[in-house]
PDB file of all heavy atoms in Angstrom:
ATOM      1  N   LYS A   1     -33.759  19.424 -11.483  1.00  0.00           N
ATOM      2  CA  LYS A   1     -33.152  20.657 -10.972  1.00  0.00           C
ATOM      3  C   LYS A   1     -32.838  20.541  -9.485  1.00  0.00           C
ATOM      4  O   LYS A   1     -31.732  20.851  -9.028  1.00  0.00           O
ATOM      5  CB  LYS A   1     -34.090  21.832 -11.223  1.00  0.00           C
ATOM      6  CG  LYS A   1     -33.631  23.128 -10.589  1.00  0.00           C
ATOM      7  CD  LYS A   1     -34.700  24.205 -10.676  1.00  0.00           C
ATOM      8  CE  LYS A   1     -34.303  25.418  -9.852  1.00  0.00           C
ATOM      9  NZ  LYS A   1     -35.387  26.435  -9.827  1.00  0.00           N
ATOM     10  N   TYR A   2     -33.828  20.073  -8.710  1.00  0.00           N
ATOM     11  CA  TYR A   2     -33.617  19.975  -7.270  1.00  0.00           C
ATOM     12  C   TYR A   2     -32.636  18.864  -6.910  1.00  0.00           C
ATOM     13  O   TYR A   2     -31.877  18.981  -5.952  1.00  0.00           O
ATOM     14  CB  TYR A   2     -34.953  19.758  -6.559  1.00  0.00           C
ATOM     15  CG  TYR A   2     -35.818  20.996  -6.547  1.00  0.00           C
ATOM     16  CD1 TYR A   2     -37.046  21.018  -7.204  1.00  0.00           C
ATOM     17  CD2 TYR A   2     -35.399  22.156  -5.908  1.00  0.00           C
ATOM     18  CE1 TYR A   2     -37.831  22.164  -7.216  1.00  0.00           C
ATOM     19  CE2 TYR A   2     -36.179  23.304  -5.916  1.00  0.00           C
ATOM     20  CZ  TYR A   2     -37.390  23.295  -6.564  1.00  0.00           C
ATOM     21  OH  TYR A   2     -38.160  24.429  -6.576  1.00  0.00           O
ATOM     22  N   ALA A   3     -32.656  17.784  -7.707  1.00  0.00           N
ATOM     23  CA  ALA A   3     -31.753  16.661  -7.426  1.00  0.00           C
ATOM     24  C   ALA A   3     -30.302  16.997  -7.719  1.00  0.00           C
ATOM     25  O   ALA A   3     -29.387  16.452  -7.096  1.00  0.00           O
ATOM     26  CB  ALA A   3     -32.178  15.440  -8.241  1.00  0.00           C
ATOM     27  N   THR A   4     -30.077  17.894  -8.682  1.00  0.00           N
ATOM     28  CA  THR A   4     -28.703  18.194  -9.093  1.00  0.00           C
ATOM     29  C   THR A   4     -28.226  19.572  -8.641  1.00  0.00           C
ATOM     30  O   THR A   4     -27.095  19.948  -8.908  1.00  0.00           O
ATOM     31  CB  THR A   4     -28.567  18.129 -10.629  1.00  0.00           C
ATOM     32  OG1 THR A   4     -29.414  19.127 -11.222  1.00  0.00           O
ATOM     33  CG2 THR A   4     -28.973  16.758 -11.150  1.00  0.00           C
ATOM     34  N   GLY A   5     -29.099  20.309  -7.949  1.00  0.00           N
ATOM     35  CA  GLY A   5     -28.744  21.677  -7.564  1.00  0.00           C
ATOM     36  C   GLY A   5     -27.476  21.782  -6.752  1.00  0.00           C
ATOM     37  O   GLY A   5     -26.678  22.707  -6.928  1.00  0.00           O
ATOM     38  N   ASP A   6     -27.289  20.822  -5.837  1.00  0.00           N
ATOM     39  CA  ASP A   6     -26.077  20.843  -5.012  1.00  0.00           C
ATOM     40  C   ASP A   6     -25.189  19.631  -5.276  1.00  0.00           C
ATOM     41  O   ASP A   6     -24.320  19.302  -4.482  1.00  0.00           O
ATOM     42  CB  ASP A   6     -26.441  20.903  -3.527  1.00  0.00           C
ATOM     43  CG  ASP A   6     -27.349  19.757  -3.103  1.00  0.00           C
ATOM     44  OD1 ASP A   6     -27.702  18.926  -3.972  1.00  0.00           O
ATOM     45  OD2 ASP A   6     -27.708  19.692  -1.918  1.00  0.00           O
ATOM     46  N   TRP A   7     -25.418  18.996  -6.423  1.00  0.00           N
ATOM     47  CA  TRP A   7     -24.686  17.770  -6.753  1.00  0.00           C
ATOM     48  C   TRP A   7     -23.184  18.029  -6.862  1.00  0.00           C
ATOM     49  O   TRP A   7     -22.374  17.280  -6.299  1.00  0.00           O
ATOM     50  CB  TRP A   7     -25.239  17.208  -8.068  1.00  0.00           C
ATOM     51  CG  TRP A   7     -24.592  15.958  -8.568  1.00  0.00           C
ATOM     52  CD1 TRP A   7     -24.498  14.771  -7.917  1.00  0.00           C
ATOM     53  CD2 TRP A   7     -23.959  15.774  -9.833  1.00  0.00           C
ATOM     54  NE1 TRP A   7     -23.856  13.845  -8.703  1.00  0.00           N
ATOM     55  CE2 TRP A   7     -23.509  14.432  -9.883  1.00  0.00           C
ATOM     56  CE3 TRP A   7     -23.743  16.604 -10.934  1.00  0.00           C
ATOM     57  CZ2 TRP A   7     -22.848  13.923 -10.989  1.00  0.00           C
ATOM     58  CZ3 TRP A   7     -23.093  16.080 -12.035  1.00  0.00           C
ATOM     59  CH2 TRP A   7     -22.652  14.758 -12.055  1.00  0.00           C
ATOM     60  N   ILE A   8     -22.792  19.077  -7.581  1.00  0.00           N
ATOM     61  CA  ILE A   8     -21.371  19.378  -7.764  1.00  0.00           C
ATOM     62  C   ILE A   8     -20.714  19.708  -6.420  1.00  0.00           C
ATOM     63  O   ILE A   8     -19.596  19.261  -6.126  1.00  0.00           O
ATOM     64  CB  ILE A   8     -21.184  20.552  -8.744  1.00  0.00           C
ATOM     65  CG1 ILE A   8     -21.773  20.196 -10.124  1.00  0.00           C
ATOM     66  CG2 ILE A   8     -19.716  20.909  -8.875  1.00  0.00           C
ATOM     67  CD1 ILE A   8     -21.125  19.004 -10.776  1.00  0.00           C
ATOM     68  N   ALA A   9     -21.432  20.478  -5.610  1.00  0.00           N
ATOM     69  CA  ALA A   9     -20.880  20.853  -4.299  1.00  0.00           C
ATOM     70  C   ALA A   9     -20.684  19.627  -3.415  1.00  0.00           C
ATOM     71  O   ALA A   9     -19.682  19.515  -2.696  1.00  0.00           O
ATOM     72  CB  ALA A   9     -21.806  21.855  -3.614  1.00  0.00           C
ATOM     73  N   ILE A  10     -21.635  18.701  -3.486  1.00  0.00           N
ATOM     74  CA  ILE A  10     -21.525  17.480  -2.684  1.00  0.00           C
ATOM     75  C   ILE A  10     -20.357  16.627  -3.161  1.00  0.00           C
ATOM     76  O   ILE A  10     -19.594  16.062  -2.359  1.00  0.00           O
ATOM     77  CB  ILE A  10     -22.845  16.689  -2.744  1.00  0.00           C
ATOM     78  CG1 ILE A  10     -23.938  17.443  -1.974  1.00  0.00           C
ATOM     79  CG2 ILE A  10     -22.664  15.289  -2.163  1.00  0.00           C
ATOM     80  CD1 ILE A  10     -25.296  16.813  -2.054  1.00  0.00           C
ATOM     81  N   ARG A  11     -20.175  16.527  -4.471  1.00  0.00           N
ATOM     82  CA  ARG A  11     -19.048  15.750  -4.996  1.00  0.00           C
ATOM     83  C   ARG A  11     -17.716  16.373  -4.585  1.00  0.00           C
ATOM     84  O   ARG A  11     -16.745  15.657  -4.308  1.00  0.00           O
ATOM     85  CB  ARG A  11     -19.154  15.645  -6.526  1.00  0.00           C
ATOM     86  CG  ARG A  11     -20.207  14.635  -6.959  1.00  0.00           C
ATOM     87  CD  ARG A  11     -20.478  14.687  -8.450  1.00  0.00           C
ATOM     88  NE  ARG A  11     -19.331  14.322  -9.256  1.00  0.00           N
ATOM     89  CZ  ARG A  11     -18.991  13.067  -9.550  1.00  0.00           C
ATOM     90  NH1 ARG A  11     -19.697  12.062  -9.068  1.00  0.00           N
ATOM     91  NH2 ARG A  11     -17.955  12.821 -10.323  1.00  0.00           N
ATOM     92  N   GLN A  12     -17.672  17.694  -4.526  1.00  0.00           N
ATOM     93  CA  GLN A  12     -16.453  18.348  -4.054  1.00  0.00           C
ATOM     94  C   GLN A  12     -16.188  18.007  -2.591  1.00  0.00           C
ATOM     95  O   GLN A  12     -15.038  17.847  -2.176  1.00  0.00           O
ATOM     96  CB  GLN A  12     -16.560  19.869  -4.230  1.00  0.00           C
ATOM     97  CG  GLN A  12     -15.307  20.632  -3.835  1.00  0.00           C
ATOM     98  CD  GLN A  12     -14.075  20.161  -4.585  1.00  0.00           C
ATOM     99  OE1 GLN A  12     -14.097  20.058  -5.813  1.00  0.00           O
ATOM    100  NE2 GLN A  12     -12.982  19.875  -3.870  1.00  0.00           N
ATOM    101  N   LYS A  13     -17.259  17.889  -1.815  1.00  0.00           N
ATOM    102  CA  LYS A  13     -17.110  17.501  -0.410  1.00  0.00           C
ATOM    103  C   LYS A  13     -16.481  16.116  -0.294  1.00  0.00           C
ATOM    104  O   LYS A  13     -15.698  15.851   0.634  1.00  0.00           O
ATOM    105  CB  LYS A  13     -18.475  17.520   0.287  1.00  0.00           C
ATOM    106  CG  LYS A  13     -19.050  18.907   0.534  1.00  0.00           C
ATOM    107  CD  LYS A  13     -18.254  19.662   1.590  1.00  0.00           C
ATOM    108  CE  LYS A  13     -18.890  21.003   1.909  1.00  0.00           C
ATOM    109  NZ  LYS A  13     -18.094  21.759   2.917  1.00  0.00           N
ATOM    110  N   LEU A  14     -16.810  15.242  -1.234  1.00  0.00           N
ATOM    111  CA  LEU A  14     -16.204  13.907  -1.220  1.00  0.00           C
ATOM    112  C   LEU A  14     -14.692  14.002  -1.406  1.00  0.00           C
ATOM    113  O   LEU A  14     -13.925  13.305  -0.729  1.00  0.00           O
ATOM    114  CB  LEU A  14     -16.814  13.045  -2.327  1.00  0.00           C
ATOM    115  CG  LEU A  14     -18.252  12.575  -2.133  1.00  0.00           C
ATOM    116  CD1 LEU A  14     -18.736  11.836  -3.380  1.00  0.00           C
ATOM    117  CD2 LEU A  14     -18.362  11.676  -0.909  1.00  0.00           C
ATOM    118  N   ARG A  15     -14.258  14.855  -2.339  1.00  0.00           N
ATOM    119  CA  ARG A  15     -12.820  15.037  -2.556  1.00  0.00           C
ATOM    120  C   ARG A  15     -12.161  15.649  -1.316  1.00  0.00           C
ATOM    121  O   ARG A  15     -11.044  15.274  -0.943  1.00  0.00           O
ATOM    122  CB  ARG A  15     -12.589  15.928  -3.776  1.00  0.00           C
ATOM    123  CG  ARG A  15     -12.918  15.266  -5.109  1.00  0.00           C
ATOM    124  CD  ARG A  15     -12.119  14.000  -5.281  1.00  0.00           C
ATOM    125  NE  ARG A  15     -12.229  13.420  -6.614  1.00  0.00           N
ATOM    126  CZ  ARG A  15     -12.260  12.121  -6.862  1.00  0.00           C
ATOM    127  NH1 ARG A  15     -12.231  11.261  -5.842  1.00  0.00           N
ATOM    128  NH2 ARG A  15     -12.333  11.670  -8.092  1.00  0.00           N
ATOM    129  N   ASP A  16     -12.852  16.578  -0.674  1.00  0.00           N
ATOM    130  CA  ASP A  16     -12.320  17.175   0.556  1.00  0.00           C
ATOM    131  C   ASP A  16     -12.179  16.123   1.638  1.00  0.00           C
ATOM    132  O   ASP A  16     -11.187  16.115   2.399  1.00  0.00           O
ATOM    133  CB  ASP A  16     -13.242  18.306   1.041  1.00  0.00           C
ATOM    134  CG  ASP A  16     -13.273  19.485   0.083  1.00  0.00           C
ATOM    135  OD1 ASP A  16     -12.353  19.604  -0.751  1.00  0.00           O
ATOM    136  OD2 ASP A  16     -14.227  20.285   0.168  1.00  0.00           O
ATOM    137  N   CYS A  17     -13.157  15.213   1.719  1.00  0.00           N
ATOM    138  CA  CYS A  17     -13.088  14.132   2.716  1.00  0.00           C
ATOM    139  C   CYS A  17     -11.908  13.207   2.440  1.00  0.00           C
ATOM    140  O   CYS A  17     -11.218  12.759   3.367  1.00  0.00           O
ATOM    141  CB  CYS A  17     -14.384  13.335   2.718  1.00  0.00           C
ATOM    142  SG  CYS A  17     -15.779  14.188   3.459  1.00  0.00           S
ATOM    143  N   GLN A  18     -11.666  12.931   1.155  1.00  0.00           N
ATOM    144  CA  GLN A  18     -10.532  12.072   0.808  1.00  0.00           C
ATOM    145  C   GLN A  18      -9.215  12.693   1.261  1.00  0.00           C
ATOM    146  O   GLN A  18      -8.334  11.999   1.778  1.00  0.00           O
ATOM    147  CB  GLN A  18     -10.515  11.820  -0.703  1.00  0.00           C
ATOM    148  CG  GLN A  18     -11.580  10.855  -1.174  1.00  0.00           C
ATOM    149  CD  GLN A  18     -11.542  10.625  -2.665  1.00  0.00           C
ATOM    150  OE1 GLN A  18     -11.376  11.578  -3.431  1.00  0.00           O
ATOM    151  NE2 GLN A  18     -11.699   9.389  -3.089  1.00  0.00           N
ATOM    152  N   LYS A  19      -9.084  13.993   1.059  1.00  0.00           N
ATOM    153  CA  LYS A  19      -7.867  14.680   1.498  1.00  0.00           C
ATOM    154  C   LYS A  19      -7.714  14.601   3.010  1.00  0.00           C
ATOM    155  O   LYS A  19      -6.601  14.404   3.530  1.00  0.00           O
ATOM    156  CB  LYS A  19      -7.901  16.137   1.042  1.00  0.00           C
ATOM    157  CG  LYS A  19      -7.809  16.323  -0.463  1.00  0.00           C
ATOM    158  CD  LYS A  19      -7.904  17.799  -0.844  1.00  0.00           C
ATOM    159  CE  LYS A  19      -7.849  17.980  -2.351  1.00  0.00           C
ATOM    160  NZ  LYS A  19      -7.988  19.418  -2.733  1.00  0.00           N
ATOM    161  N   SER A  20      -8.830  14.734   3.722  1.00  0.00           N
ATOM    162  CA  SER A  20      -8.776  14.653   5.188  1.00  0.00           C
ATOM    163  C   SER A  20      -8.378  13.260   5.646  1.00  0.00           C
ATOM    164  O   SER A  20      -7.573  13.104   6.575  1.00  0.00           O
ATOM    165  CB  SER A  20     -10.151  15.026   5.778  1.00  0.00           C
ATOM    166  OG  SER A  20     -10.497  16.359   5.484  1.00  0.00           O
ATOM    167  N   VAL A  21      -8.941  12.245   4.961  1.00  0.00           N
ATOM    168  CA  VAL A  21      -8.609  10.864   5.332  1.00  0.00           C
ATOM    169  C   VAL A  21      -7.141  10.578   5.062  1.00  0.00           C
ATOM    170  O   VAL A  21      -6.449   9.917   5.865  1.00  0.00           O
ATOM    171  CB  VAL A  21      -9.515   9.877   4.570  1.00  0.00           C
ATOM    172  CG1 VAL A  21      -9.034   8.439   4.769  1.00  0.00           C
ATOM    173  CG2 VAL A  21     -10.962  10.019   5.021  1.00  0.00           C
ATOM    174  N   LEU A  22      -6.629  11.071   3.944  1.00  0.00           N
ATOM    175  CA  LEU A  22      -5.218  10.845   3.607  1.00  0.00           C
ATOM    176  C   LEU A  22      -4.273  11.489   4.606  1.00  0.00           C
ATOM    177  O   LEU A  22      -3.139  11.022   4.802  1.00  0.00           O
ATOM    178  CB  LEU A  22      -4.936  11.384   2.198  1.00  0.00           C
ATOM    179  CG  LEU A  22      -5.470  10.542   1.031  1.00  0.00           C
ATOM    180  CD1 LEU A  22      -5.339  11.311  -0.280  1.00  0.00           C
ATOM    181  CD2 LEU A  22      -4.706   9.215   0.956  1.00  0.00           C
ATOM    182  N   SER A  23      -4.729  12.553   5.241  1.00  0.00           N
ATOM    183  CA  SER A  23      -3.875  13.240   6.221  1.00  0.00           C
ATOM    184  C   SER A  23      -4.192  12.839   7.655  1.00  0.00           C
ATOM    185  O   SER A  23      -3.818  13.532   8.599  1.00  0.00           O
ATOM    186  CB  SER A  23      -4.033  14.760   6.060  1.00  0.00           C
ATOM    187  OG  SER A  23      -5.382  15.151   6.287  1.00  0.00           O
ATOM    188  N   ALA A  24      -4.895  11.716   7.809  1.00  0.00           N
ATOM    189  CA  ALA A  24      -5.248  11.246   9.151  1.00  0.00           C
ATOM    190  C   ALA A  24      -3.976  10.889   9.933  1.00  0.00           C
ATOM    191  O   ALA A  24      -2.964  10.477   9.351  1.00  0.00           O
ATOM    192  CB  ALA A  24      -6.161  10.038   9.049  1.00  0.00           C
ATOM    193  N   PRO A  25      -3.997  11.063  11.251  1.00  0.00           N
ATOM    194  CA  PRO A  25      -2.824  10.718  12.088  1.00  0.00           C
ATOM    195  C   PRO A  25      -2.378   9.277  11.862  1.00  0.00           C
ATOM    196  O   PRO A  25      -3.188   8.396  11.544  1.00  0.00           O
ATOM    197  CB  PRO A  25      -3.350  10.918  13.513  1.00  0.00           C
ATOM    198  CG  PRO A  25      -4.443  11.934  13.373  1.00  0.00           C
ATOM    199  CD  PRO A  25      -5.092  11.632  12.048  1.00  0.00           C
ATOM    200  N   GLN A  26      -1.100   9.039  12.022  1.00  0.00           N
ATOM    201  CA  GLN A  26      -0.525   7.736  11.693  1.00  0.00           C
ATOM    202  C   GLN A  26      -0.990   6.604  12.608  1.00  0.00           C
ATOM    203  O   GLN A  26      -0.843   5.430  12.256  1.00  0.00           O
ATOM    204  CB  GLN A  26       1.003   7.826  11.737  1.00  0.00           C
ATOM    205  CG  GLN A  26       1.578   8.709  10.639  1.00  0.00           C
ATOM    206  CD  GLN A  26       3.094   8.668  10.624  1.00  0.00           C
ATOM    207  OE1 GLN A  26       3.723   8.068  11.504  1.00  0.00           O
ATOM    208  NE2 GLN A  26       3.688   9.309   9.622  1.00  0.00           N
ATOM    209  N   HIS A  27      -1.571   6.950  13.762  1.00  0.00           N
ATOM    210  CA  HIS A  27      -1.989   5.865  14.658  1.00  0.00           C
ATOM    211  C   HIS A  27      -3.259   5.162  14.178  1.00  0.00           C
ATOM    212  O   HIS A  27      -3.623   4.107  14.691  1.00  0.00           O
ATOM    213  CB  HIS A  27      -2.196   6.394  16.097  1.00  0.00           C
ATOM    214  CG  HIS A  27      -3.327   7.367  16.235  1.00  0.00           C
ATOM    215  ND1 HIS A  27      -3.133   8.730  16.155  1.00  0.00           N
ATOM    216  CD2 HIS A  27      -4.653   7.174  16.455  1.00  0.00           C
ATOM    217  CE1 HIS A  27      -4.302   9.341  16.322  1.00  0.00           C
ATOM    218  NE2 HIS A  27      -5.229   8.423  16.512  1.00  0.00           N
ATOM    219  N   PHE A  28      -3.928   5.738  13.135  1.00  0.00           N
ATOM    220  CA  PHE A  28      -5.086   5.047  12.555  1.00  0.00           C
ATOM    221  C   PHE A  28      -4.594   3.890  11.683  1.00  0.00           C
ATOM    222  O   PHE A  28      -3.665   4.064  10.877  1.00  0.00           O
ATOM    223  CB  PHE A  28      -5.914   6.008  11.706  1.00  0.00           C
ATOM    224  CG  PHE A  28      -6.787   6.944  12.504  1.00  0.00           C
ATOM    225  CD1 PHE A  28      -6.334   8.213  12.838  1.00  0.00           C
ATOM    226  CD2 PHE A  28      -8.044   6.541  12.942  1.00  0.00           C
ATOM    227  CE1 PHE A  28      -7.129   9.071  13.573  1.00  0.00           C
ATOM    228  CE2 PHE A  28      -8.843   7.398  13.675  1.00  0.00           C
ATOM    229  CZ  PHE A  28      -8.387   8.667  14.005  1.00  0.00           C
ATOM    230  N   PRO A  29      -5.194   2.696  11.827  1.00  0.00           N
ATOM    231  CA  PRO A  29      -4.754   1.542  11.028  1.00  0.00           C
ATOM    232  C   PRO A  29      -4.834   1.832   9.529  1.00  0.00           C
ATOM    233  O   PRO A  29      -5.826   2.388   9.048  1.00  0.00           O
ATOM    234  CB  PRO A  29      -5.741   0.440  11.425  1.00  0.00           C
ATOM    235  CG  PRO A  29      -6.246   0.844  12.772  1.00  0.00           C
ATOM    236  CD  PRO A  29      -6.288   2.349  12.750  1.00  0.00           C
ATOM    237  N   ARG A  30      -3.793   1.448   8.814  1.00  0.00           N
ATOM    238  CA  ARG A  30      -3.746   1.727   7.375  1.00  0.00           C
ATOM    239  C   ARG A  30      -4.870   1.035   6.615  1.00  0.00           C
ATOM    240  O   ARG A  30      -5.421   1.593   5.663  1.00  0.00           O
ATOM    241  CB  ARG A  30      -2.378   1.265   6.815  1.00  0.00           C
ATOM    242  CG  ARG A  30      -2.156   1.706   5.372  1.00  0.00           C
ATOM    243  CD  ARG A  30      -2.173   3.221   5.269  1.00  0.00           C
ATOM    244  NE  ARG A  30      -2.396   3.676   3.892  1.00  0.00           N
ATOM    245  CZ  ARG A  30      -2.552   4.949   3.550  1.00  0.00           C
ATOM    246  NH1 ARG A  30      -2.535   5.883   4.481  1.00  0.00           N
ATOM    247  NH2 ARG A  30      -2.758   5.277   2.285  1.00  0.00           N
ATOM    248  N   GLU A  31      -5.243  -0.197   7.068  1.00  0.00           N
ATOM    249  CA  GLU A  31      -6.309  -0.904   6.366  1.00  0.00           C
ATOM    250  C   GLU A  31      -7.654  -0.174   6.502  1.00  0.00           C
ATOM    251  O   GLU A  31      -8.475  -0.192   5.597  1.00  0.00           O
ATOM    252  CB  GLU A  31      -6.442  -2.344   6.878  1.00  0.00           C
ATOM    253  CG  GLU A  31      -6.686  -2.489   8.374  1.00  0.00           C
ATOM    254  CD  GLU A  31      -5.395  -2.556   9.167  1.00  0.00           C
ATOM    255  OE1 GLU A  31      -4.341  -2.131   8.636  1.00  0.00           O
ATOM    256  OE2 GLU A  31      -5.438  -3.070  10.304  1.00  0.00           O
ATOM    257  N   ASP A  32      -7.845   0.501   7.629  1.00  0.00           N
ATOM    258  CA  ASP A  32      -9.072   1.290   7.797  1.00  0.00           C
ATOM    259  C   ASP A  32      -9.065   2.497   6.848  1.00  0.00           C
ATOM    260  O   ASP A  32     -10.094   2.831   6.237  1.00  0.00           O
ATOM    261  CB  ASP A  32      -9.201   1.782   9.244  1.00  0.00           C
ATOM    262  CG  ASP A  32      -9.531   0.655  10.213  1.00  0.00           C
ATOM    263  OD1 ASP A  32      -9.844  -0.456   9.741  1.00  0.00           O
ATOM    264  OD2 ASP A  32      -9.475   0.892  11.433  1.00  0.00           O
TER     265      ASP A  32
END
Protein backbone atom coordinates (compact mmCIF):
# COMPACT_ATOMS: atom_id res chain seq x y z
CA LYS A 1 0.00 0.00 0.00
CA TYR A 2 2.69 2.48 0.99
CA ALA A 3 4.95 1.52 -1.92
CA THR A 4 2.22 2.04 -4.51
CA GLY A 5 0.25 4.86 -2.89
CA ASP A 6 1.85 7.53 -5.05
CA TRP A 7 3.13 5.23 -7.79
CA ILE A 8 0.65 6.41 -10.45
CA ALA A 9 1.29 10.06 -9.61
CA ILE A 10 5.04 9.55 -9.87
CA ARG A 11 4.70 7.82 -13.25
CA GLN A 12 2.64 10.76 -14.47
CA LYS A 13 5.47 13.04 -13.38
CA LEU A 14 7.77 11.06 -15.66
CA ARG A 15 5.49 11.79 -18.62
CA ASP A 16 5.39 15.46 -17.63
CA CYS A 17 9.20 15.50 -17.54
CA GLN A 18 9.34 13.97 -21.02
CA LYS A 19 7.11 16.74 -22.36
CA SER A 20 9.35 19.34 -20.73
CA VAL A 21 12.48 17.76 -22.20
CA LEU A 22 10.91 17.65 -25.67
CA SER A 23 10.17 21.36 -25.46
CA ALA A 24 13.67 22.27 -24.28
CA PRO A 25 15.28 25.29 -26.02
CA GLN A 26 17.05 24.46 -29.26
CA HIS A 27 20.49 25.42 -27.95
CA PHE A 28 20.55 22.19 -25.89
CA PRO A 29 22.49 19.46 -27.77
CA ARG A 30 20.13 16.99 -29.43
CA GLU A 31 22.17 14.00 -28.26
CA ASP A 32 21.69 15.13 -24.65
